[in-house]
N, C-alpha and C. Protein backbone atom coordinates (compact mmCIF):
# COMPACT_ATOMS: atom_id res chain seq x y z
N MET A 1 108.39 73.93 132.93
CA MET A 1 108.36 75.31 133.42
C MET A 1 107.44 76.14 132.53
N GLN A 2 106.62 76.98 133.13
CA GLN A 2 105.70 77.79 132.36
C GLN A 2 106.43 78.91 131.62
N THR A 3 105.91 79.21 130.44
CA THR A 3 106.48 80.28 129.62
C THR A 3 106.33 81.63 130.31
N PRO A 4 107.41 82.40 130.45
CA PRO A 4 107.28 83.72 131.07
C PRO A 4 106.80 84.77 130.06
N TYR A 5 105.99 85.70 130.54
CA TYR A 5 105.53 86.82 129.74
C TYR A 5 106.12 88.10 130.30
N GLN A 6 106.48 89.03 129.43
CA GLN A 6 107.10 90.29 129.83
C GLN A 6 106.00 91.33 130.08
N ILE A 7 105.73 91.61 131.35
CA ILE A 7 104.59 92.44 131.73
C ILE A 7 105.06 93.74 132.39
N VAL A 8 104.63 94.86 131.82
CA VAL A 8 104.90 96.16 132.44
C VAL A 8 103.95 96.38 133.61
N GLU A 9 102.66 96.12 133.37
CA GLU A 9 101.66 96.31 134.42
C GLU A 9 100.35 95.64 134.03
N ILE A 10 99.56 95.32 135.05
CA ILE A 10 98.20 94.83 134.88
C ILE A 10 97.34 95.64 135.83
N PHE A 11 96.28 96.26 135.32
CA PHE A 11 95.43 97.08 136.18
C PHE A 11 94.03 97.16 135.59
N GLU A 12 93.08 97.57 136.42
CA GLU A 12 91.70 97.75 135.99
C GLU A 12 91.37 99.23 135.94
N SER A 13 90.73 99.66 134.87
CA SER A 13 90.38 101.06 134.72
C SER A 13 89.27 101.19 133.68
N LEU A 14 89.16 102.37 133.08
CA LEU A 14 88.24 102.62 131.98
C LEU A 14 89.05 102.91 130.72
N GLN A 15 88.56 102.41 129.59
CA GLN A 15 89.20 102.77 128.33
C GLN A 15 89.09 104.28 128.15
N GLY A 16 90.21 104.93 127.90
CA GLY A 16 90.22 106.38 127.89
C GLY A 16 90.16 107.02 126.53
N GLU A 17 90.24 106.22 125.44
CA GLU A 17 90.28 106.84 124.12
C GLU A 17 89.64 105.94 123.08
N GLY A 18 89.32 106.53 121.94
CA GLY A 18 88.75 105.77 120.85
C GLY A 18 87.27 105.46 121.01
N PHE A 19 86.79 104.52 120.21
CA PHE A 19 85.36 104.21 120.16
C PHE A 19 84.83 103.67 121.49
N ASN A 20 85.66 102.92 122.22
CA ASN A 20 85.22 102.29 123.47
C ASN A 20 85.52 103.13 124.70
N THR A 21 85.67 104.43 124.53
CA THR A 21 85.91 105.30 125.69
C THR A 21 84.85 105.07 126.77
N GLY A 22 85.32 104.86 127.99
CA GLY A 22 84.42 104.62 129.12
C GLY A 22 84.19 103.16 129.43
N MET A 23 84.63 102.26 128.57
CA MET A 23 84.41 100.83 128.79
C MET A 23 85.28 100.32 129.94
N PRO A 24 84.67 99.70 130.96
CA PRO A 24 85.47 99.10 132.03
C PRO A 24 86.34 97.98 131.45
N ALA A 25 87.60 97.97 131.83
CA ALA A 25 88.50 96.99 131.23
C ALA A 25 89.67 96.70 132.15
N ILE A 26 90.21 95.50 131.96
CA ILE A 26 91.48 95.12 132.58
C ILE A 26 92.56 95.30 131.52
N PHE A 27 93.57 96.07 131.83
CA PHE A 27 94.65 96.32 130.90
C PHE A 27 95.83 95.39 131.21
N ILE A 28 96.27 94.66 130.21
CA ILE A 28 97.50 93.87 130.33
C ILE A 28 98.51 94.51 129.40
N ARG A 29 99.49 95.18 129.99
CA ARG A 29 100.47 95.93 129.21
C ARG A 29 101.79 95.15 129.13
N PHE A 30 102.17 94.82 127.91
CA PHE A 30 103.40 94.07 127.68
C PHE A 30 104.60 94.99 127.49
N GLY A 31 105.77 94.48 127.80
CA GLY A 31 107.01 95.18 127.55
C GLY A 31 107.50 94.98 126.12
N LYS A 32 108.46 95.76 125.73
CA LYS A 32 109.15 95.72 124.44
C LYS A 32 108.25 96.19 123.30
N CYS A 33 108.92 96.74 122.27
CA CYS A 33 108.21 97.24 121.09
C CYS A 33 109.12 97.10 119.88
N ASN A 34 108.52 96.96 118.71
CA ASN A 34 109.30 96.90 117.47
C ASN A 34 109.46 98.26 116.81
N LEU A 35 108.98 99.32 117.50
CA LEU A 35 109.19 100.70 117.06
C LEU A 35 109.75 101.50 118.23
N ALA A 36 110.11 102.76 117.97
CA ALA A 36 110.65 103.61 119.05
C ALA A 36 110.22 105.05 118.79
N CYS A 37 108.95 105.33 119.04
CA CYS A 37 108.41 106.68 118.80
C CYS A 37 108.91 107.63 119.89
N PRO A 38 109.44 108.77 119.53
CA PRO A 38 110.05 109.67 120.53
C PRO A 38 109.05 110.24 121.53
N TRP A 39 107.75 110.26 121.18
CA TRP A 39 106.75 110.83 122.08
C TRP A 39 105.98 109.76 122.87
N CYS A 40 106.40 108.51 122.76
CA CYS A 40 105.68 107.42 123.45
C CYS A 40 105.62 107.67 124.95
N ASP A 41 104.43 107.44 125.54
CA ASP A 41 104.25 107.71 126.97
C ASP A 41 104.30 106.44 127.81
N THR A 42 104.78 105.34 127.23
CA THR A 42 104.88 104.08 127.97
C THR A 42 106.33 103.66 128.12
N ASP A 43 106.73 103.37 129.34
CA ASP A 43 108.10 102.89 129.59
C ASP A 43 108.11 101.38 129.41
N TYR A 44 108.13 100.95 128.14
CA TYR A 44 108.02 99.52 127.85
C TYR A 44 109.34 98.77 128.00
N HIS A 45 110.41 99.49 128.35
CA HIS A 45 111.70 98.83 128.57
C HIS A 45 111.78 98.19 129.96
N HIS A 46 110.94 98.64 130.87
CA HIS A 46 110.97 98.12 132.23
C HIS A 46 109.76 97.22 132.47
N PHE A 47 110.03 95.96 132.70
CA PHE A 47 108.94 94.99 132.88
C PHE A 47 109.40 93.88 133.80
N GLN A 48 108.45 93.11 134.26
CA GLN A 48 108.73 91.91 135.05
C GLN A 48 108.25 90.70 134.27
N THR A 49 108.78 89.55 134.60
CA THR A 49 108.31 88.33 133.95
C THR A 49 107.24 87.69 134.83
N MET A 50 106.15 87.27 134.19
CA MET A 50 105.06 86.62 134.90
C MET A 50 104.63 85.38 134.11
N THR A 51 104.26 84.35 134.80
CA THR A 51 103.75 83.16 134.14
C THR A 51 102.27 83.35 133.81
N LEU A 52 101.75 82.48 132.97
CA LEU A 52 100.33 82.54 132.65
C LEU A 52 99.50 82.41 133.92
N GLN A 53 99.90 81.55 134.81
CA GLN A 53 99.15 81.37 136.06
C GLN A 53 99.15 82.65 136.89
N GLN A 54 100.29 83.32 136.96
CA GLN A 54 100.37 84.58 137.72
C GLN A 54 99.49 85.66 137.09
N ILE A 55 99.51 85.73 135.77
CA ILE A 55 98.64 86.69 135.08
C ILE A 55 97.18 86.37 135.35
N ALA A 56 96.83 85.10 135.26
CA ALA A 56 95.45 84.66 135.48
C ALA A 56 94.98 85.01 136.89
N GLU A 57 95.85 84.80 137.86
CA GLU A 57 95.49 85.10 139.25
C GLU A 57 95.28 86.59 139.45
N ARG A 58 96.11 87.41 138.81
CA ARG A 58 95.95 88.86 138.92
C ARG A 58 94.65 89.31 138.26
N VAL A 59 94.41 88.84 137.06
CA VAL A 59 93.21 89.22 136.32
C VAL A 59 91.95 88.84 137.09
N ALA A 60 91.98 87.70 137.76
CA ALA A 60 90.81 87.20 138.50
C ALA A 60 90.44 88.07 139.68
N THR A 61 91.34 88.97 140.10
CA THR A 61 91.03 89.84 141.25
C THR A 61 90.18 91.04 140.83
N TYR A 62 90.00 91.24 139.51
CA TYR A 62 89.25 92.39 139.01
C TYR A 62 87.85 91.97 138.57
N THR A 63 86.98 92.95 138.38
CA THR A 63 85.58 92.65 138.07
C THR A 63 85.22 92.81 136.59
N ALA A 64 85.98 93.60 135.85
CA ALA A 64 85.66 93.84 134.44
C ALA A 64 85.75 92.55 133.64
N LYS A 65 84.92 92.44 132.60
CA LYS A 65 84.94 91.26 131.73
C LYS A 65 85.52 91.59 130.35
N ASN A 66 86.10 92.77 130.24
CA ASN A 66 86.79 93.16 129.02
C ASN A 66 88.28 93.27 129.32
N ILE A 67 89.11 92.76 128.43
CA ILE A 67 90.55 92.85 128.60
C ILE A 67 91.15 93.56 127.39
N ILE A 68 92.01 94.54 127.66
CA ILE A 68 92.72 95.24 126.59
C ILE A 68 94.18 94.82 126.64
N ILE A 69 94.62 94.19 125.57
CA ILE A 69 96.00 93.75 125.43
C ILE A 69 96.77 94.88 124.77
N THR A 70 97.77 95.42 125.45
CA THR A 70 98.44 96.61 124.95
C THR A 70 99.94 96.52 125.24
N GLY A 71 100.66 97.59 124.99
CA GLY A 71 102.09 97.54 125.17
C GLY A 71 102.69 98.92 125.37
N GLY A 72 103.95 99.03 124.93
CA GLY A 72 104.73 98.20 124.02
C GLY A 72 103.95 97.76 122.80
N GLU A 73 104.38 96.64 122.25
CA GLU A 73 103.68 96.05 121.11
C GLU A 73 103.37 94.60 121.40
N PRO A 74 102.09 94.31 121.68
CA PRO A 74 101.73 92.96 122.11
C PRO A 74 101.92 91.87 121.05
N THR A 75 101.85 92.22 119.76
CA THR A 75 101.93 91.17 118.74
C THR A 75 103.32 90.57 118.59
N ILE A 76 104.34 91.16 119.22
CA ILE A 76 105.69 90.60 119.14
C ILE A 76 105.97 89.65 120.30
N GLN A 77 105.00 89.48 121.19
CA GLN A 77 105.21 88.66 122.38
C GLN A 77 105.16 87.18 122.04
N PRO A 78 106.15 86.41 122.47
CA PRO A 78 106.11 84.96 122.27
C PRO A 78 104.95 84.33 123.02
N HIS A 79 104.34 83.34 122.43
CA HIS A 79 103.30 82.55 123.08
C HIS A 79 102.07 83.38 123.48
N LEU A 80 101.83 84.48 122.78
CA LEU A 80 100.69 85.33 123.11
C LEU A 80 99.38 84.57 122.97
N ARG A 81 99.27 83.74 121.93
CA ARG A 81 98.00 83.05 121.67
C ARG A 81 97.64 82.07 122.79
N LYS A 82 98.64 81.53 123.45
CA LYS A 82 98.37 80.64 124.58
C LYS A 82 97.64 81.40 125.68
N LEU A 83 98.09 82.60 125.98
CA LEU A 83 97.44 83.44 126.98
C LEU A 83 96.05 83.85 126.51
N LEU A 84 95.93 84.27 125.26
CA LEU A 84 94.64 84.70 124.73
C LEU A 84 93.62 83.56 124.76
N ASN A 85 94.05 82.37 124.41
CA ASN A 85 93.15 81.21 124.45
C ASN A 85 92.62 80.98 125.86
N TYR A 86 93.51 81.10 126.84
CA TYR A 86 93.08 80.91 128.23
C TYR A 86 92.04 81.97 128.60
N LEU A 87 92.32 83.23 128.27
CA LEU A 87 91.40 84.31 128.63
C LEU A 87 90.05 84.16 127.93
N LYS A 88 90.05 83.70 126.69
CA LYS A 88 88.79 83.46 125.98
C LYS A 88 87.99 82.36 126.67
N GLN A 89 88.66 81.34 127.13
CA GLN A 89 87.98 80.25 127.84
C GLN A 89 87.33 80.74 129.12
N GLN A 90 87.86 81.80 129.69
CA GLN A 90 87.29 82.37 130.91
C GLN A 90 86.15 83.35 130.61
N GLY A 91 85.85 83.56 129.32
CA GLY A 91 84.71 84.38 128.93
C GLY A 91 84.99 85.86 128.75
N TYR A 92 86.27 86.24 128.64
CA TYR A 92 86.60 87.65 128.48
C TYR A 92 86.46 88.11 127.04
N PHE A 93 86.02 89.35 126.86
CA PHE A 93 86.06 90.06 125.57
C PHE A 93 87.47 90.61 125.43
N LEU A 94 88.14 90.29 124.33
CA LEU A 94 89.54 90.66 124.16
C LEU A 94 89.72 91.73 123.09
N ALA A 95 90.29 92.85 123.50
CA ALA A 95 90.65 93.92 122.57
C ALA A 95 92.17 94.05 122.56
N ILE A 96 92.69 94.55 121.44
CA ILE A 96 94.13 94.75 121.35
C ILE A 96 94.42 96.16 120.85
N GLU A 97 95.49 96.74 121.36
CA GLU A 97 96.02 98.01 120.87
C GLU A 97 97.39 97.70 120.26
N THR A 98 97.53 97.97 118.96
CA THR A 98 98.71 97.53 118.22
C THR A 98 99.13 98.58 117.20
N ASN A 99 100.41 98.55 116.81
CA ASN A 99 100.84 99.46 115.76
C ASN A 99 100.47 98.93 114.37
N GLY A 100 100.01 97.69 114.29
CA GLY A 100 99.46 97.17 113.05
C GLY A 100 100.46 96.64 112.04
N LEU A 101 101.69 96.43 112.45
CA LEU A 101 102.69 95.93 111.52
C LEU A 101 102.75 94.41 111.45
N LYS A 102 102.20 93.74 112.45
CA LYS A 102 102.23 92.28 112.47
C LYS A 102 100.80 91.73 112.54
N PRO A 103 100.61 90.49 112.11
CA PRO A 103 99.27 89.90 112.11
C PRO A 103 98.65 89.87 113.50
N ILE A 104 97.32 89.94 113.53
CA ILE A 104 96.57 89.94 114.78
C ILE A 104 96.05 88.53 115.07
N PRO A 105 96.26 88.01 116.27
CA PRO A 105 95.74 86.67 116.59
C PRO A 105 94.22 86.59 116.43
N SER A 106 93.74 85.47 115.99
CA SER A 106 92.31 85.30 115.71
C SER A 106 91.46 85.35 116.97
N GLU A 107 92.06 85.18 118.12
CA GLU A 107 91.31 85.22 119.38
C GLU A 107 90.83 86.62 119.74
N ILE A 108 91.39 87.64 119.12
CA ILE A 108 91.06 89.03 119.43
C ILE A 108 89.68 89.38 118.88
N ASP A 109 88.87 90.03 119.72
CA ASP A 109 87.51 90.44 119.34
C ASP A 109 87.45 91.86 118.77
N TYR A 110 88.40 92.71 119.14
CA TYR A 110 88.35 94.12 118.73
C TYR A 110 89.76 94.62 118.51
N ILE A 111 90.01 95.21 117.33
CA ILE A 111 91.35 95.67 116.97
C ILE A 111 91.37 97.20 116.90
N ALA A 112 92.22 97.81 117.71
CA ALA A 112 92.51 99.24 117.62
C ALA A 112 93.97 99.37 117.20
N THR A 113 94.18 99.94 116.03
CA THR A 113 95.56 100.06 115.55
C THR A 113 95.96 101.53 115.45
N SER A 114 97.22 101.78 115.75
CA SER A 114 97.74 103.15 115.73
C SER A 114 98.98 103.20 114.84
N PRO A 115 98.79 103.33 113.52
CA PRO A 115 99.93 103.42 112.61
C PRO A 115 100.77 104.65 112.90
N LYS A 116 102.07 104.51 112.75
CA LYS A 116 102.99 105.59 113.10
C LYS A 116 103.61 106.21 111.85
N ARG A 117 103.37 107.51 111.66
CA ARG A 117 103.88 108.22 110.48
C ARG A 117 105.39 108.15 110.39
N LEU A 118 106.08 108.16 111.53
CA LEU A 118 107.53 108.11 111.55
C LEU A 118 108.07 106.86 110.84
N TYR A 119 107.26 105.80 110.83
CA TYR A 119 107.68 104.54 110.22
C TYR A 119 106.80 104.21 109.01
N GLN A 120 106.40 105.24 108.28
CA GLN A 120 105.44 105.03 107.19
C GLN A 120 105.94 104.05 106.13
N ASP A 121 107.22 104.01 105.87
CA ASP A 121 107.74 103.09 104.86
C ASP A 121 107.42 101.64 105.21
N LYS A 122 107.43 101.32 106.49
CA LYS A 122 107.10 99.96 106.92
C LYS A 122 105.64 99.63 106.59
N TYR A 123 104.76 100.61 106.72
CA TYR A 123 103.34 100.38 106.46
C TYR A 123 103.06 100.21 104.97
N TRP A 124 103.81 100.90 104.14
CA TRP A 124 103.60 100.75 102.70
C TRP A 124 104.10 99.38 102.25
N GLN A 125 105.05 98.80 102.99
CA GLN A 125 105.55 97.47 102.63
C GLN A 125 104.62 96.37 103.14
N ARG A 126 104.20 96.48 104.40
CA ARG A 126 103.39 95.40 104.97
C ARG A 126 102.73 95.87 106.27
N SER A 127 101.43 95.64 106.36
CA SER A 127 100.70 95.95 107.59
C SER A 127 99.39 95.18 107.57
N ILE A 128 98.65 95.25 108.66
CA ILE A 128 97.31 94.68 108.64
C ILE A 128 96.46 95.50 107.69
N ASP A 129 95.39 94.89 107.18
CA ASP A 129 94.53 95.62 106.24
C ASP A 129 93.14 95.86 106.78
N PHE A 130 92.88 95.43 108.04
CA PHE A 130 91.58 95.68 108.67
C PHE A 130 91.78 95.94 110.15
N ALA A 131 90.96 96.85 110.68
CA ALA A 131 90.89 97.09 112.12
C ALA A 131 89.51 97.61 112.44
N ASP A 132 89.09 97.45 113.68
CA ASP A 132 87.83 98.06 114.09
C ASP A 132 87.98 99.58 114.17
N GLU A 133 89.15 100.02 114.63
CA GLU A 133 89.40 101.46 114.63
C GLU A 133 90.86 101.74 114.35
N VAL A 134 91.07 102.86 113.66
CA VAL A 134 92.41 103.38 113.40
C VAL A 134 92.57 104.65 114.22
N ARG A 135 93.66 104.73 114.99
CA ARG A 135 93.98 105.95 115.75
C ARG A 135 95.37 106.41 115.34
N ILE A 136 95.45 107.60 114.80
CA ILE A 136 96.74 108.16 114.38
C ILE A 136 97.06 109.36 115.25
N VAL A 137 98.30 109.44 115.69
CA VAL A 137 98.75 110.58 116.50
C VAL A 137 99.28 111.66 115.57
N ASN A 138 98.82 112.88 115.77
CA ASN A 138 99.19 114.02 114.94
C ASN A 138 100.57 114.53 115.38
N ASP A 139 101.61 113.89 114.86
CA ASP A 139 102.96 114.17 115.35
C ASP A 139 103.85 114.92 114.36
N CYS A 140 103.27 115.43 113.25
CA CYS A 140 104.11 116.14 112.28
C CYS A 140 103.25 117.02 111.37
N ASP A 141 103.91 117.86 110.58
CA ASP A 141 103.19 118.79 109.71
C ASP A 141 102.52 118.10 108.53
N ASP A 142 103.07 116.96 108.08
CA ASP A 142 102.51 116.30 106.91
C ASP A 142 101.64 115.10 107.27
N ILE A 143 101.00 115.15 108.44
CA ILE A 143 100.18 114.02 108.90
C ILE A 143 98.96 113.83 108.01
N LEU A 144 98.50 114.88 107.35
CA LEU A 144 97.32 114.80 106.50
C LEU A 144 97.49 113.74 105.42
N GLN A 145 98.60 113.78 104.73
CA GLN A 145 98.84 112.82 103.65
C GLN A 145 98.95 111.39 104.19
N PHE A 146 99.58 111.26 105.36
CA PHE A 146 99.71 109.93 105.96
C PHE A 146 98.34 109.36 106.30
N CYS A 147 97.48 110.18 106.90
CA CYS A 147 96.13 109.72 107.26
C CYS A 147 95.37 109.26 106.03
N GLU A 148 95.42 110.06 104.99
CA GLU A 148 94.67 109.73 103.77
C GLU A 148 95.17 108.43 103.16
N LYS A 149 96.46 108.22 103.19
CA LYS A 149 97.01 107.00 102.59
C LYS A 149 96.70 105.77 103.45
N ILE A 150 96.80 105.92 104.77
CA ILE A 150 96.47 104.81 105.67
C ILE A 150 95.02 104.41 105.50
N ALA A 151 94.14 105.38 105.28
CA ALA A 151 92.71 105.08 105.12
C ALA A 151 92.44 104.23 103.88
N THR A 152 93.33 104.32 102.89
CA THR A 152 93.17 103.47 101.70
C THR A 152 93.79 102.10 101.91
N LYS A 153 94.69 101.98 102.89
CA LYS A 153 95.40 100.72 103.13
C LYS A 153 94.76 99.88 104.23
N ILE A 154 94.27 100.53 105.28
CA ILE A 154 93.66 99.79 106.41
C ILE A 154 92.18 100.15 106.47
N HIS A 155 91.33 99.20 106.14
CA HIS A 155 89.89 99.41 106.23
C HIS A 155 89.47 99.33 107.69
N ALA A 156 88.70 100.30 108.15
CA ALA A 156 88.27 100.32 109.55
C ALA A 156 86.85 100.85 109.67
N LYS A 157 86.22 100.53 110.78
CA LYS A 157 84.88 101.05 111.07
C LYS A 157 84.95 102.50 111.55
N HIS A 158 86.04 102.84 112.22
CA HIS A 158 86.20 104.17 112.80
C HIS A 158 87.62 104.67 112.58
N TYR A 159 87.74 105.97 112.29
CA TYR A 159 89.05 106.60 112.11
C TYR A 159 89.17 107.79 113.05
N TYR A 160 90.30 107.83 113.78
CA TYR A 160 90.52 108.89 114.76
C TYR A 160 91.87 109.55 114.55
N LEU A 161 91.93 110.84 114.84
CA LEU A 161 93.19 111.57 114.91
C LEU A 161 93.32 112.11 116.33
N SER A 162 94.48 111.88 116.92
CA SER A 162 94.73 112.28 118.31
C SER A 162 95.82 113.34 118.38
N PRO A 163 95.70 114.29 119.30
CA PRO A 163 96.79 115.25 119.50
C PRO A 163 98.04 114.53 119.98
N CYS A 164 99.18 115.12 119.69
CA CYS A 164 100.45 114.60 120.19
C CYS A 164 100.86 115.41 121.41
N GLU A 165 101.15 114.72 122.49
CA GLU A 165 101.59 115.40 123.71
C GLU A 165 103.10 115.34 123.82
N GLN A 166 103.73 116.50 123.85
CA GLN A 166 105.17 116.58 124.04
C GLN A 166 105.48 117.72 124.99
N ASN A 167 106.31 117.42 125.99
CA ASN A 167 106.69 118.40 127.01
C ASN A 167 105.47 119.01 127.70
N GLY A 168 104.45 118.17 127.91
CA GLY A 168 103.27 118.61 128.64
C GLY A 168 102.27 119.41 127.83
N GLU A 169 102.50 119.57 126.53
CA GLU A 169 101.59 120.34 125.69
C GLU A 169 101.03 119.47 124.58
N MET A 170 99.74 119.71 124.22
CA MET A 170 99.09 118.96 123.16
C MET A 170 98.67 119.90 122.03
N ASN A 171 98.87 119.48 120.80
CA ASN A 171 98.52 120.29 119.64
C ASN A 171 97.06 120.06 119.23
N ILE A 172 96.15 120.38 120.14
CA ILE A 172 94.73 120.09 119.92
C ILE A 172 94.16 120.94 118.79
N LEU A 173 94.47 122.22 118.77
CA LEU A 173 93.90 123.09 117.74
C LEU A 173 94.32 122.63 116.34
N ASP A 174 95.59 122.34 116.16
CA ASP A 174 96.06 121.87 114.86
C ASP A 174 95.41 120.54 114.49
N THR A 175 95.19 119.70 115.48
CA THR A 175 94.55 118.40 115.24
C THR A 175 93.11 118.59 114.77
N ILE A 176 92.39 119.49 115.41
CA ILE A 176 91.00 119.76 115.01
C ILE A 176 90.96 120.30 113.57
N ARG A 177 91.87 121.21 113.26
CA ARG A 177 91.92 121.76 111.90
C ARG A 177 92.18 120.66 110.88
N THR A 178 93.10 119.77 111.21
CA THR A 178 93.44 118.68 110.29
C THR A 178 92.26 117.75 110.08
N ILE A 179 91.52 117.47 111.13
CA ILE A 179 90.32 116.64 111.00
C ILE A 179 89.32 117.29 110.05
N GLY A 180 89.17 118.58 110.16
CA GLY A 180 88.26 119.30 109.27
C GLY A 180 88.66 119.15 107.81
N ILE A 181 89.96 119.26 107.54
CA ILE A 181 90.45 119.12 106.17
C ILE A 181 90.26 117.68 105.68
N LEU A 182 90.56 116.71 106.52
CA LEU A 182 90.38 115.30 106.15
C LEU A 182 88.93 115.02 105.76
N ASN A 183 88.01 115.55 106.53
CA ASN A 183 86.59 115.29 106.27
C ASN A 183 86.08 116.06 105.06
N GLN A 184 86.71 117.17 104.73
CA GLN A 184 86.36 117.88 103.50
C GLN A 184 86.83 117.09 102.27
N HIS A 185 87.99 116.45 102.41
CA HIS A 185 88.56 115.71 101.29
C HIS A 185 87.84 114.39 101.03
N SER A 186 87.30 113.78 102.07
CA SER A 186 86.72 112.44 101.94
C SER A 186 85.21 112.48 102.00
N LYS A 187 84.59 111.75 101.09
CA LYS A 187 83.13 111.62 101.09
C LYS A 187 82.67 110.33 101.75
N THR A 188 83.60 109.44 102.03
CA THR A 188 83.24 108.12 102.57
C THR A 188 83.72 107.88 103.99
N ILE A 189 84.77 108.58 104.41
CA ILE A 189 85.35 108.35 105.74
C ILE A 189 85.14 109.58 106.61
N LYS A 190 84.67 109.36 107.82
CA LYS A 190 84.45 110.43 108.78
C LYS A 190 85.51 110.33 109.88
N TRP A 191 86.49 111.22 109.85
CA TRP A 191 87.52 111.25 110.89
C TRP A 191 86.97 111.96 112.13
N GLN A 192 87.38 111.47 113.31
CA GLN A 192 86.92 112.05 114.57
C GLN A 192 88.12 112.33 115.48
N LEU A 193 87.89 113.17 116.47
CA LEU A 193 88.91 113.49 117.46
C LEU A 193 88.90 112.45 118.57
N SER A 194 90.08 111.97 118.93
CA SER A 194 90.21 111.09 120.09
C SER A 194 91.19 111.70 121.07
N LEU A 195 90.73 111.93 122.29
CA LEU A 195 91.57 112.46 123.36
C LEU A 195 91.85 111.37 124.39
N GLN A 196 92.99 111.45 125.02
CA GLN A 196 93.30 110.51 126.11
C GLN A 196 92.61 111.02 127.38
N THR A 197 91.31 110.73 127.46
CA THR A 197 90.50 111.28 128.54
C THR A 197 90.93 110.76 129.90
N HIS A 198 91.57 109.59 129.94
CA HIS A 198 92.02 109.07 131.24
C HIS A 198 93.08 110.00 131.86
N LYS A 199 93.87 110.65 131.01
CA LYS A 199 94.84 111.61 131.53
C LYS A 199 94.16 112.88 132.02
N LEU A 200 93.09 113.28 131.34
CA LEU A 200 92.37 114.49 131.72
C LEU A 200 91.72 114.37 133.09
N VAL A 201 91.24 113.16 133.41
CA VAL A 201 90.56 112.96 134.69
C VAL A 201 91.46 112.33 135.75
N GLY A 202 92.69 112.00 135.38
CA GLY A 202 93.66 111.53 136.36
C GLY A 202 93.49 110.08 136.78
N ILE A 203 93.11 109.21 135.81
CA ILE A 203 93.09 107.78 136.11
C ILE A 203 94.09 107.08 135.19
N GLU A 204 94.39 105.82 135.50
CA GLU A 204 95.33 105.08 134.68
C GLU A 204 94.76 104.81 133.30
């Protein structure tokens, strides 16, 4: 019997945030997470089980050659590397969106990690030390210190700060101000604003 995977959804769209904004991609969103952020916009508790063959058949109906593995938290999924190996054999570019607390499979071509300030103690104990991009959500008053410390712990090509959306409102102005302070403090790292543009234009 084939190993079941816990899938919230599979769909084709454009990457809406970070360095690859606008990139056509197939999103494979897994269920379950090892964290529980109160502002999370993904219902990762509700998922269906799909076999590798079912996932492959769904992915084959789309035209994009980039796949974004996301969640929930994809690195906690059993047998993830088996699926990734299959997708690599089909010629897909594989990106992952992760909270960065667990190791990243070697099959991944691009790592976007979003460390969570609410669980900062976990990051000081153990996390990945490299990513292509770091995206932090501005979810508290002391986010400045968290960003600065994460930048010393996780080496990345790009660093982003994103507004936090709660009750339909985003703290964009405060986020912009914080980015300005971060860039004044650092001579080596350039923080940038990342918006969830897919929400602004009404796509998945």
